[in-house]
N, C-alpha and C. Protein backbone atom coordinates (compact mmCIF):
# COMPACT_ATOMS: atom_id res chain seq x y z
N ALA A 1 -7.28 14.00 10.09
CA ALA A 1 -8.69 14.24 10.29
C ALA A 1 -9.49 13.88 9.04
N CYS A 2 -8.95 14.24 7.87
CA CYS A 2 -9.64 13.93 6.61
C CYS A 2 -9.74 12.42 6.41
N GLU A 3 -8.70 11.72 6.84
CA GLU A 3 -8.68 10.26 6.71
C GLU A 3 -9.80 9.63 7.52
N LYS A 4 -9.98 10.09 8.75
CA LYS A 4 -10.97 9.48 9.65
C LYS A 4 -12.41 9.71 9.19
N CYS A 5 -12.66 10.81 8.49
CA CYS A 5 -14.03 11.08 8.03
C CYS A 5 -14.18 10.81 6.53
N SER A 6 -13.25 10.04 5.98
CA SER A 6 -13.31 9.61 4.57
C SER A 6 -13.39 10.78 3.59
N ARG A 7 -12.70 11.86 3.91
CA ARG A 7 -12.68 13.02 3.02
C ARG A 7 -11.33 13.08 2.31
N TRP A 8 -11.06 12.08 1.51
CA TRP A 8 -9.82 12.02 0.75
C TRP A 8 -9.69 13.23 -0.18
N ASP A 9 -10.82 13.69 -0.72
CA ASP A 9 -10.80 14.84 -1.63
C ASP A 9 -10.34 16.10 -0.90
N TRP A 10 -10.75 16.25 0.36
CA TRP A 10 -10.30 17.39 1.14
C TRP A 10 -8.81 17.29 1.42
N ALA A 11 -8.35 16.09 1.71
CA ALA A 11 -6.92 15.90 1.99
C ALA A 11 -6.09 16.29 0.78
N LEU A 12 -6.52 15.87 -0.40
CA LEU A 12 -5.79 16.23 -1.62
C LEU A 12 -5.89 17.73 -1.90
N ARG A 13 -7.05 18.32 -1.62
CA ARG A 13 -7.22 19.76 -1.83
C ARG A 13 -6.31 20.56 -0.89
N MET A 14 -6.24 20.14 0.37
CA MET A 14 -5.36 20.83 1.32
C MET A 14 -3.90 20.70 0.92
N LEU A 15 -3.52 19.53 0.43
CA LEU A 15 -2.15 19.35 -0.04
C LEU A 15 -1.88 20.25 -1.24
N ALA A 16 -2.80 20.30 -2.18
CA ALA A 16 -2.64 21.17 -3.36
C ALA A 16 -2.57 22.64 -2.95
N ASP A 17 -3.42 23.04 -2.00
CA ASP A 17 -3.39 24.43 -1.52
C ASP A 17 -2.05 24.74 -0.87
N MET A 18 -1.54 23.80 -0.11
CA MET A 18 -0.24 23.98 0.54
C MET A 18 0.85 24.18 -0.51
N LEU A 19 0.81 23.36 -1.55
CA LEU A 19 1.82 23.45 -2.60
C LEU A 19 1.66 24.75 -3.41
N ASP A 20 0.40 25.14 -3.69
CA ASP A 20 0.14 26.38 -4.42
C ASP A 20 0.62 27.61 -3.65
N ALA A 21 0.55 27.55 -2.34
CA ALA A 21 0.97 28.66 -1.49
C ALA A 21 2.48 28.63 -1.23
N ALA A 22 3.16 27.72 -1.89
CA ALA A 22 4.62 27.57 -1.76
C ALA A 22 5.03 27.25 -0.33
N LEU A 23 4.15 26.58 0.41
CA LEU A 23 4.51 26.12 1.75
C LEU A 23 5.31 24.84 1.63
N GLN A 24 6.12 24.57 2.59
CA GLN A 24 6.99 23.39 2.57
C GLN A 24 6.17 22.12 2.78
N ALA A 25 6.01 21.35 1.73
CA ALA A 25 5.34 20.05 1.85
C ALA A 25 6.37 19.03 2.29
N THR A 26 5.96 18.14 3.15
CA THR A 26 6.86 17.11 3.66
C THR A 26 6.30 15.73 3.34
N THR A 27 7.10 14.74 3.62
CA THR A 27 6.63 13.37 3.45
C THR A 27 5.37 13.15 4.28
N ILE A 28 5.33 13.73 5.47
CA ILE A 28 4.17 13.58 6.35
C ILE A 28 2.91 14.16 5.70
N SER A 29 3.03 15.31 5.06
CA SER A 29 1.89 15.93 4.37
C SER A 29 1.35 15.01 3.29
N PHE A 30 2.26 14.48 2.48
CA PHE A 30 1.85 13.58 1.41
C PHE A 30 1.30 12.27 1.96
N ASN A 31 1.94 11.74 3.01
CA ASN A 31 1.46 10.49 3.60
C ASN A 31 0.04 10.63 4.13
N ALA A 32 -0.28 11.79 4.70
CA ALA A 32 -1.64 12.02 5.19
C ALA A 32 -2.64 11.95 4.04
N ALA A 33 -2.28 12.55 2.91
CA ALA A 33 -3.17 12.52 1.74
C ALA A 33 -3.27 11.10 1.16
N ILE A 34 -2.14 10.41 1.07
CA ILE A 34 -2.14 9.04 0.54
C ILE A 34 -2.97 8.13 1.44
N SER A 35 -2.81 8.28 2.75
CA SER A 35 -3.57 7.46 3.70
C SER A 35 -5.07 7.74 3.61
N ALA A 36 -5.44 9.01 3.43
CA ALA A 36 -6.86 9.35 3.27
C ALA A 36 -7.42 8.69 2.01
N CYS A 37 -6.63 8.68 0.94
CA CYS A 37 -7.06 8.01 -0.30
C CYS A 37 -7.18 6.51 -0.08
N GLU A 38 -6.26 5.95 0.67
CA GLU A 38 -6.30 4.50 0.95
C GLU A 38 -7.57 4.13 1.69
N LYS A 39 -7.91 4.89 2.72
CA LYS A 39 -9.10 4.58 3.51
C LYS A 39 -10.37 4.66 2.68
N ALA A 40 -10.37 5.51 1.65
CA ALA A 40 -11.54 5.68 0.79
C ALA A 40 -11.45 4.83 -0.47
N GLN A 41 -10.48 3.95 -0.53
CA GLN A 41 -10.29 3.03 -1.66
C GLN A 41 -10.04 3.76 -2.97
N GLN A 42 -9.34 4.86 -2.90
CA GLN A 42 -9.02 5.68 -4.07
C GLN A 42 -7.57 5.43 -4.48
N TRP A 43 -7.29 4.25 -5.01
CA TRP A 43 -5.92 3.86 -5.30
C TRP A 43 -5.28 4.73 -6.39
N ARG A 44 -6.05 5.18 -7.35
CA ARG A 44 -5.48 6.02 -8.41
C ARG A 44 -4.97 7.35 -7.85
N PHE A 45 -5.76 7.95 -6.96
CA PHE A 45 -5.35 9.21 -6.37
C PHE A 45 -4.18 9.01 -5.41
N ALA A 46 -4.17 7.89 -4.70
CA ALA A 46 -3.04 7.58 -3.82
C ALA A 46 -1.77 7.44 -4.65
N SER A 47 -1.88 6.76 -5.78
CA SER A 47 -0.74 6.58 -6.67
C SER A 47 -0.25 7.91 -7.22
N ALA A 48 -1.19 8.77 -7.62
CA ALA A 48 -0.82 10.09 -8.14
C ALA A 48 -0.13 10.94 -7.08
N ALA A 49 -0.61 10.85 -5.85
CA ALA A 49 0.01 11.62 -4.76
C ALA A 49 1.44 11.15 -4.50
N LEU A 50 1.65 9.83 -4.52
CA LEU A 50 3.01 9.32 -4.32
C LEU A 50 3.90 9.72 -5.48
N ALA A 51 3.39 9.67 -6.70
CA ALA A 51 4.17 10.08 -7.87
C ALA A 51 4.55 11.56 -7.75
N ASP A 52 3.63 12.39 -7.28
CA ASP A 52 3.91 13.82 -7.10
C ASP A 52 4.98 14.03 -6.04
N LEU A 53 4.88 13.29 -4.94
CA LEU A 53 5.88 13.37 -3.88
C LEU A 53 7.27 13.08 -4.45
N LEU A 54 7.39 12.01 -5.21
CA LEU A 54 8.68 11.62 -5.77
C LEU A 54 9.15 12.63 -6.81
N HIS A 55 8.23 13.14 -7.62
CA HIS A 55 8.56 14.12 -8.65
C HIS A 55 9.15 15.39 -8.02
N ARG A 56 8.68 15.73 -6.84
CA ARG A 56 9.16 16.92 -6.15
C ARG A 56 10.47 16.68 -5.40
N GLY A 57 10.99 15.46 -5.48
CA GLY A 57 12.25 15.15 -4.83
C GLY A 57 12.13 14.93 -3.34
N ILE A 58 10.93 14.69 -2.87
CA ILE A 58 10.71 14.42 -1.45
C ILE A 58 10.83 12.92 -1.24
N SER A 59 11.51 12.53 -0.19
CA SER A 59 11.72 11.10 0.08
C SER A 59 10.45 10.43 0.54
N ALA A 60 10.17 9.30 -0.06
CA ALA A 60 9.05 8.46 0.39
C ALA A 60 9.56 7.52 1.48
N HIS A 61 8.69 7.15 2.38
CA HIS A 61 9.02 6.20 3.44
C HIS A 61 8.19 4.94 3.26
N ALA A 62 8.44 3.96 4.08
CA ALA A 62 7.65 2.72 4.03
C ALA A 62 6.17 3.04 4.21
N ILE A 63 5.85 4.01 5.06
CA ILE A 63 4.46 4.39 5.29
C ILE A 63 3.80 4.84 3.98
N SER A 64 4.54 5.57 3.17
CA SER A 64 4.02 6.06 1.88
C SER A 64 3.61 4.89 1.00
N TYR A 65 4.52 3.94 0.86
CA TYR A 65 4.25 2.78 0.01
C TYR A 65 3.22 1.85 0.63
N ASN A 66 3.26 1.70 1.95
CA ASN A 66 2.28 0.82 2.61
C ASN A 66 0.85 1.31 2.36
N ALA A 67 0.64 2.62 2.47
CA ALA A 67 -0.70 3.17 2.24
C ALA A 67 -1.11 2.97 0.78
N LEU A 68 -0.18 3.18 -0.15
CA LEU A 68 -0.50 2.98 -1.56
C LEU A 68 -0.81 1.52 -1.84
N ILE A 69 0.00 0.62 -1.31
CA ILE A 69 -0.23 -0.82 -1.54
C ILE A 69 -1.57 -1.25 -0.94
N ALA A 70 -1.89 -0.74 0.24
CA ALA A 70 -3.19 -1.06 0.85
C ALA A 70 -4.34 -0.52 0.00
N ALA A 71 -4.17 0.68 -0.55
CA ALA A 71 -5.20 1.25 -1.43
C ALA A 71 -5.38 0.39 -2.67
N CYS A 72 -4.28 -0.08 -3.23
CA CYS A 72 -4.36 -0.97 -4.40
C CYS A 72 -5.10 -2.25 -4.04
N GLY A 73 -4.82 -2.78 -2.87
CA GLY A 73 -5.50 -4.00 -2.43
C GLY A 73 -6.99 -3.80 -2.28
N LYS A 74 -7.39 -2.66 -1.72
CA LYS A 74 -8.81 -2.38 -1.55
C LYS A 74 -9.51 -2.19 -2.89
N GLY A 75 -8.75 -1.79 -3.89
CA GLY A 75 -9.31 -1.62 -5.23
C GLY A 75 -9.12 -2.85 -6.11
N TRP A 76 -8.72 -3.96 -5.51
CA TRP A 76 -8.47 -5.23 -6.20
C TRP A 76 -7.43 -5.08 -7.30
N ARG A 77 -6.47 -4.22 -7.09
CA ARG A 77 -5.39 -3.97 -8.05
C ARG A 77 -4.12 -4.64 -7.55
N TRP A 78 -4.14 -5.96 -7.54
CA TRP A 78 -3.02 -6.72 -6.98
C TRP A 78 -1.74 -6.47 -7.76
N LEU A 79 -1.83 -6.33 -9.07
CA LEU A 79 -0.63 -6.11 -9.87
C LEU A 79 -0.04 -4.72 -9.57
N ALA A 80 -0.89 -3.74 -9.39
CA ALA A 80 -0.42 -2.40 -9.02
C ALA A 80 0.24 -2.44 -7.64
N ALA A 81 -0.28 -3.26 -6.74
CA ALA A 81 0.33 -3.41 -5.41
C ALA A 81 1.73 -3.99 -5.53
N LEU A 82 1.88 -5.02 -6.35
CA LEU A 82 3.20 -5.64 -6.53
C LEU A 82 4.16 -4.69 -7.24
N THR A 83 3.65 -3.92 -8.19
CA THR A 83 4.48 -2.92 -8.87
C THR A 83 4.95 -1.86 -7.87
N SER A 84 4.07 -1.49 -6.95
CA SER A 84 4.44 -0.51 -5.92
C SER A 84 5.49 -1.08 -4.98
N LEU A 85 5.40 -2.37 -4.67
CA LEU A 85 6.42 -3.02 -3.84
C LEU A 85 7.77 -2.96 -4.55
N THR A 86 7.78 -3.25 -5.83
CA THR A 86 9.02 -3.18 -6.62
C THR A 86 9.56 -1.75 -6.63
N ALA A 87 8.68 -0.78 -6.81
CA ALA A 87 9.09 0.63 -6.82
C ALA A 87 9.69 1.03 -5.47
N ALA A 88 9.11 0.54 -4.39
CA ALA A 88 9.65 0.84 -3.05
C ALA A 88 11.07 0.31 -2.93
N ARG A 89 11.26 -0.91 -3.36
CA ARG A 89 12.61 -1.50 -3.27
C ARG A 89 13.60 -0.73 -4.12
N ARG A 90 13.18 -0.32 -5.32
CA ARG A 90 14.07 0.47 -6.20
C ARG A 90 14.42 1.81 -5.58
N SER A 91 13.51 2.35 -4.78
CA SER A 91 13.74 3.63 -4.11
C SER A 91 14.51 3.45 -2.81
N MET A 92 14.96 2.23 -2.58
CA MET A 92 15.72 1.90 -1.37
C MET A 92 14.89 2.00 -0.10
N VAL A 93 13.58 1.87 -0.23
CA VAL A 93 12.69 1.83 0.93
C VAL A 93 12.54 0.37 1.32
N GLN A 94 12.87 0.06 2.55
CA GLN A 94 12.82 -1.31 3.02
C GLN A 94 11.39 -1.71 3.40
N PRO A 95 10.87 -2.76 2.78
CA PRO A 95 9.55 -3.25 3.18
C PRO A 95 9.56 -3.71 4.63
N ASP A 96 8.41 -3.63 5.27
CA ASP A 96 8.28 -4.11 6.65
C ASP A 96 7.09 -5.06 6.74
N GLY A 97 6.73 -5.44 7.94
CA GLY A 97 5.61 -6.37 8.12
C GLY A 97 4.30 -5.82 7.59
N VAL A 98 4.11 -4.51 7.69
CA VAL A 98 2.89 -3.89 7.16
C VAL A 98 2.87 -4.00 5.64
N THR A 99 4.04 -3.79 5.02
CA THR A 99 4.15 -3.93 3.57
C THR A 99 3.78 -5.34 3.15
N CYS A 100 4.31 -6.30 3.88
CA CYS A 100 4.04 -7.71 3.59
C CYS A 100 2.55 -8.00 3.69
N SER A 101 1.92 -7.55 4.77
CA SER A 101 0.48 -7.77 4.95
C SER A 101 -0.33 -7.11 3.85
N ALA A 102 0.05 -5.89 3.48
CA ALA A 102 -0.69 -5.16 2.45
C ALA A 102 -0.57 -5.86 1.10
N CYS A 103 0.63 -6.33 0.75
CA CYS A 103 0.81 -7.02 -0.54
C CYS A 103 0.10 -8.36 -0.58
N VAL A 104 0.25 -9.13 0.46
CA VAL A 104 -0.43 -10.43 0.52
C VAL A 104 -1.94 -10.20 0.52
N GLY A 105 -2.39 -9.19 1.26
CA GLY A 105 -3.81 -8.86 1.29
C GLY A 105 -4.34 -8.43 -0.07
N ALA A 106 -3.54 -7.69 -0.83
CA ALA A 106 -3.95 -7.26 -2.17
C ALA A 106 -4.12 -8.46 -3.09
N CYS A 107 -3.18 -9.39 -3.03
CA CYS A 107 -3.29 -10.60 -3.85
C CYS A 107 -4.48 -11.44 -3.42
N SER A 108 -4.69 -11.55 -2.12
CA SER A 108 -5.81 -12.33 -1.60
C SER A 108 -7.15 -11.71 -2.00
N ALA A 109 -7.25 -10.38 -1.89
CA ALA A 109 -8.50 -9.70 -2.24
C ALA A 109 -8.88 -9.94 -3.69
N ALA A 110 -7.86 -10.07 -4.54
CA ALA A 110 -8.11 -10.32 -5.97
C ALA A 110 -8.18 -11.82 -6.28
N GLN A 111 -8.18 -12.63 -5.23
CA GLN A 111 -8.25 -14.09 -5.35
C GLN A 111 -7.07 -14.66 -6.14
N ARG A 112 -5.92 -14.06 -5.96
CA ARG A 112 -4.67 -14.54 -6.55
C ARG A 112 -3.91 -15.28 -5.44
N TRP A 113 -4.47 -16.43 -5.06
CA TRP A 113 -3.99 -17.15 -3.88
C TRP A 113 -2.58 -17.66 -4.05
N GLN A 114 -2.25 -18.20 -5.21
CA GLN A 114 -0.90 -18.71 -5.41
C GLN A 114 0.12 -17.58 -5.37
N CYS A 115 -0.23 -16.45 -5.93
CA CYS A 115 0.64 -15.28 -5.86
C CYS A 115 0.82 -14.85 -4.41
N ALA A 116 -0.27 -14.83 -3.66
CA ALA A 116 -0.20 -14.46 -2.24
C ALA A 116 0.69 -15.41 -1.47
N LEU A 117 0.57 -16.71 -1.75
CA LEU A 117 1.42 -17.70 -1.09
C LEU A 117 2.89 -17.52 -1.44
N GLN A 118 3.17 -17.32 -2.72
CA GLN A 118 4.56 -17.13 -3.15
C GLN A 118 5.14 -15.87 -2.53
N LEU A 119 4.37 -14.81 -2.53
CA LEU A 119 4.84 -13.56 -1.95
C LEU A 119 5.09 -13.71 -0.45
N SER A 120 4.17 -14.36 0.23
CA SER A 120 4.33 -14.59 1.66
C SER A 120 5.60 -15.39 1.94
N GLY A 121 5.84 -16.42 1.12
CA GLY A 121 7.04 -17.23 1.28
C GLY A 121 8.31 -16.46 1.00
N SER A 122 8.32 -15.65 -0.06
CA SER A 122 9.53 -14.90 -0.38
C SER A 122 9.81 -13.83 0.66
N MET A 123 8.77 -13.22 1.20
CA MET A 123 8.97 -12.20 2.22
C MET A 123 9.40 -12.84 3.54
N ALA A 124 8.89 -14.04 3.82
CA ALA A 124 9.32 -14.75 5.03
C ALA A 124 10.81 -15.05 4.95
N GLY A 125 11.29 -15.33 3.74
CA GLY A 125 12.72 -15.56 3.54
C GLY A 125 13.56 -14.33 3.85
N ARG A 126 12.92 -13.17 3.87
CA ARG A 126 13.61 -11.91 4.21
C ARG A 126 13.32 -11.49 5.65
N GLY A 127 12.66 -12.37 6.38
CA GLY A 127 12.36 -12.08 7.78
C GLY A 127 11.08 -11.27 7.97
N LEU A 128 10.27 -11.14 6.92
CA LEU A 128 9.02 -10.39 7.01
C LEU A 128 7.85 -11.34 7.01
N ARG A 129 6.85 -11.01 7.78
CA ARG A 129 5.66 -11.86 7.85
C ARG A 129 4.41 -10.99 7.85
N PRO A 130 3.35 -11.50 7.20
CA PRO A 130 2.09 -10.77 7.29
C PRO A 130 1.54 -10.84 8.72
N ASP A 131 0.65 -9.92 9.06
CA ASP A 131 0.06 -9.96 10.39
C ASP A 131 -0.81 -11.21 10.53
N SER A 132 -1.22 -11.50 11.75
CA SER A 132 -1.94 -12.75 12.01
C SER A 132 -3.29 -12.80 11.30
N LEU A 133 -3.96 -11.68 11.16
CA LEU A 133 -5.24 -11.66 10.46
C LEU A 133 -5.06 -12.00 8.97
N THR A 134 -4.06 -11.41 8.34
CA THR A 134 -3.77 -11.70 6.93
C THR A 134 -3.37 -13.15 6.77
N ASN A 135 -2.53 -13.63 7.67
CA ASN A 135 -2.08 -15.03 7.62
C ASN A 135 -3.26 -15.98 7.76
N SER A 136 -4.15 -15.71 8.71
CA SER A 136 -5.30 -16.59 8.93
C SER A 136 -6.21 -16.62 7.71
N GLU A 137 -6.46 -15.46 7.13
CA GLU A 137 -7.31 -15.38 5.93
C GLU A 137 -6.67 -16.15 4.77
N LEU A 138 -5.38 -15.97 4.59
CA LEU A 138 -4.67 -16.65 3.52
C LEU A 138 -4.71 -18.16 3.71
N LEU A 139 -4.46 -18.61 4.92
CA LEU A 139 -4.49 -20.05 5.20
C LEU A 139 -5.89 -20.63 4.98
N MET A 140 -6.91 -19.93 5.45
CA MET A 140 -8.28 -20.42 5.29
C MET A 140 -8.64 -20.52 3.80
N GLN A 141 -8.33 -19.49 3.04
CA GLN A 141 -8.67 -19.49 1.62
C GLN A 141 -7.89 -20.57 0.86
N CYS A 142 -6.63 -20.75 1.21
CA CYS A 142 -5.83 -21.78 0.54
C CYS A 142 -6.32 -23.18 0.89
N GLU A 143 -6.71 -23.36 2.14
CA GLU A 143 -7.24 -24.66 2.55
C GLU A 143 -8.52 -24.99 1.77
N GLN A 144 -9.38 -24.01 1.62
CA GLN A 144 -10.63 -24.21 0.87
C GLN A 144 -10.38 -24.53 -0.60
N ARG A 145 -9.25 -24.09 -1.12
CA ARG A 145 -8.93 -24.31 -2.53
C ARG A 145 -7.94 -25.44 -2.76
N GLY A 146 -7.60 -26.13 -1.69
CA GLY A 146 -6.67 -27.25 -1.81
C GLY A 146 -5.26 -26.85 -2.18
N LEU A 147 -4.87 -25.63 -1.80
CA LEU A 147 -3.54 -25.13 -2.15
C LEU A 147 -2.50 -25.35 -1.06
N LEU A 148 -2.92 -25.82 0.11
CA LEU A 148 -1.95 -26.07 1.18
C LEU A 148 -1.05 -27.22 0.78
N GLY A 149 0.19 -27.11 1.12
CA GLY A 149 1.16 -28.16 0.78
C GLY A 149 1.83 -27.92 -0.56
N GLN A 150 1.45 -26.84 -1.23
CA GLN A 150 2.09 -26.51 -2.51
C GLN A 150 3.26 -25.61 -2.28
């Protein structure tokens, strides 16, 4: 609910209240807060929430990293998005098509077209592909910059 009304601060407050009351926080609780931060383009808070989740020994899922990577993309933090992808892999979380779209989208948003192309190619080698909207945007931008065929 907090995510839909852009109340990321409420989502984080509810999570903190839950933790202060010694209630059992789950990956789902943290993912809700991370997703609310992502929708509001609050990548720093999304990153802090994921770090807290991991610090507490709670397992992160692809959804956790996907929301963080998308938040980084919305904040034009392409390098933070790629760092988060690396962290996901180190945590043995398998990237999926959403991860691929979020990472390519983060690079594209920051106008790092060659990085986006390389990432798209390397993920395709692993059987992952960005969604059609991300692919179309990437192709259009690369065509405009004469990067197709590289």
